[in-house]
Protein backbone atom coordinates (compact mmCIF):
# COMPACT_ATOMS: atom_id res chain seq x y z
CA MET A 1 -13.01 31.26 -19.75
CA LYS A 2 -10.49 30.50 -17.03
CA PHE A 3 -9.08 26.96 -16.85
CA ASN A 4 -10.29 25.13 -13.75
CA LEU A 5 -8.38 21.97 -12.85
CA TYR A 6 -11.19 20.57 -10.69
CA VAL A 7 -13.70 20.81 -13.49
CA PHE A 8 -11.17 19.23 -15.87
CA PHE A 9 -11.02 16.05 -13.77
CA GLU A 10 -14.79 15.81 -13.21
CA LYS A 11 -15.19 14.05 -16.54
CA THR A 12 -14.58 10.36 -15.85
CA ASN A 13 -12.89 9.60 -19.16
CA ARG A 14 -10.22 12.27 -18.55
CA LEU A 15 -9.59 11.00 -15.03
CA LYS A 16 -9.31 7.41 -16.24
CA ALA A 17 -6.86 8.47 -18.95
CA ILE A 18 -4.65 10.29 -16.42
CA LEU A 19 -4.71 7.31 -14.03
CA ILE A 20 -3.85 4.87 -16.83
CA ALA A 21 -0.98 7.12 -17.96
CA PHE A 22 0.28 7.32 -14.38
CA GLY A 23 0.10 3.52 -14.05
CA VAL A 24 1.99 3.02 -17.33
CA LEU A 25 4.64 5.50 -16.14
CA CYS A 26 5.06 3.64 -12.85
CA VAL A 27 5.37 0.24 -14.55
CA GLY A 28 7.82 1.69 -17.09
CA LEU A 29 10.04 3.17 -14.39
CA PHE A 30 9.90 -0.12 -12.49
CA LEU A 31 11.05 -2.05 -15.57
CA ILE A 32 13.76 0.45 -16.50
CA ASP A 33 15.34 -0.05 -13.08
CA PHE A 34 16.46 -3.55 -14.15
CA PHE A 35 18.58 -2.13 -16.98
CA VAL A 36 20.21 0.89 -15.32
CA GLU A 37 23.72 0.59 -13.91
CA ARG A 38 23.88 2.01 -10.41
CA TYR A 39 26.78 3.55 -8.55
CA ILE A 40 26.08 2.45 -5.01
CA TYR A 41 27.44 3.63 -1.68
CA PHE A 42 25.80 0.97 0.51
CA GLU A 43 25.29 -2.67 -0.48
CA VAL A 44 21.54 -2.51 0.06
CA GLU A 45 21.27 0.12 -2.70
CA GLY A 46 22.35 -2.52 -5.21
CA LEU A 47 19.13 -4.48 -4.84
CA TYR A 48 16.78 -4.23 -7.79
CA ASN A 49 14.02 -1.67 -7.22
CA PHE A 50 15.41 -0.81 -3.80
CA TYR A 51 14.24 2.80 -3.96
CA SER A 52 10.67 1.90 -4.91
CA ILE A 53 10.46 -0.68 -2.14
CA TYR A 54 12.10 1.68 0.35
CA GLY A 55 9.71 4.49 -0.62
CA PHE A 56 6.67 2.25 -0.24
CA VAL A 57 7.81 1.00 3.18
CA MET A 58 8.54 4.53 4.44
CA PHE A 59 5.20 5.79 3.12
CA SER A 60 3.42 2.95 4.94
CA ILE A 61 5.29 3.72 8.16
CA ILE A 62 4.27 7.37 7.94
CA ILE A 63 0.60 6.47 7.38
CA PHE A 64 0.39 3.90 10.17
CA GLY A 65 2.52 6.07 12.44
CA SER A 66 0.07 8.93 11.99
CA ARG A 67 -2.79 6.63 12.98
CA PHE A 68 -0.87 5.64 16.10
CA LEU A 69 -0.16 9.30 16.93
CA ARG A 70 -3.82 10.12 16.42
CA PHE A 71 -4.68 7.46 18.96
CA LEU A 72 -2.17 8.91 21.44
CA LEU A 73 -2.79 12.61 20.89
CA GLY A 74 -6.41 12.62 19.80
CA ARG A 75 -9.00 14.53 21.77
CA PRO A 76 -12.69 13.75 22.10
CA GLU A 77 -15.07 15.66 19.88
CA ASN A 78 -16.37 17.78 22.75
CA PHE A 79 -12.91 18.56 24.17
CA TYR A 80 -13.27 22.34 23.95
CA ASP A 81 -17.00 22.22 24.77
CA ASN A 82 -17.72 25.55 26.54
CA LYS A 83 -14.38 27.15 25.63
CA ALA A 84 -14.91 26.98 21.88
CA VAL A 85 -15.67 30.19 20.02
CA ASP A 86 -18.70 28.74 18.29
CA SER A 87 -20.28 27.75 21.63
CA GLU A 88 -20.74 31.40 22.66
CA ASP A 89 -24.14 33.00 22.44
CA TYR A 90 -24.51 35.62 19.76
CA PRO A 91 -25.42 39.08 21.03
CA THR A 92 -28.94 40.17 20.30
CA THR A 93 -29.51 43.12 18.03
CA ARG A 94 -31.41 46.11 19.34
CA GLU A 95 -34.42 47.22 17.43
CA LYS A 96 -34.75 50.97 16.89
């Protein structure tokens, strides 16, 4: 039987275990950052957990920026109306 990743995560207890492990990993990395000596190039890099805060802020900017771009570049649902491929009539079949 071939291993299927989607079926593996359908069981709720496995999914919960993976999410808990991921949460523990994130908290552990956050706490380790207080004890690691950093070699910094810019002063702002010396702040505790700078990279996690910076990553979260940039991720949020990307998400909200995409919503803004969707507002600017979005098209109505019937934009292609008669030009869409699926709006064409199918040819009829001839009976023999």
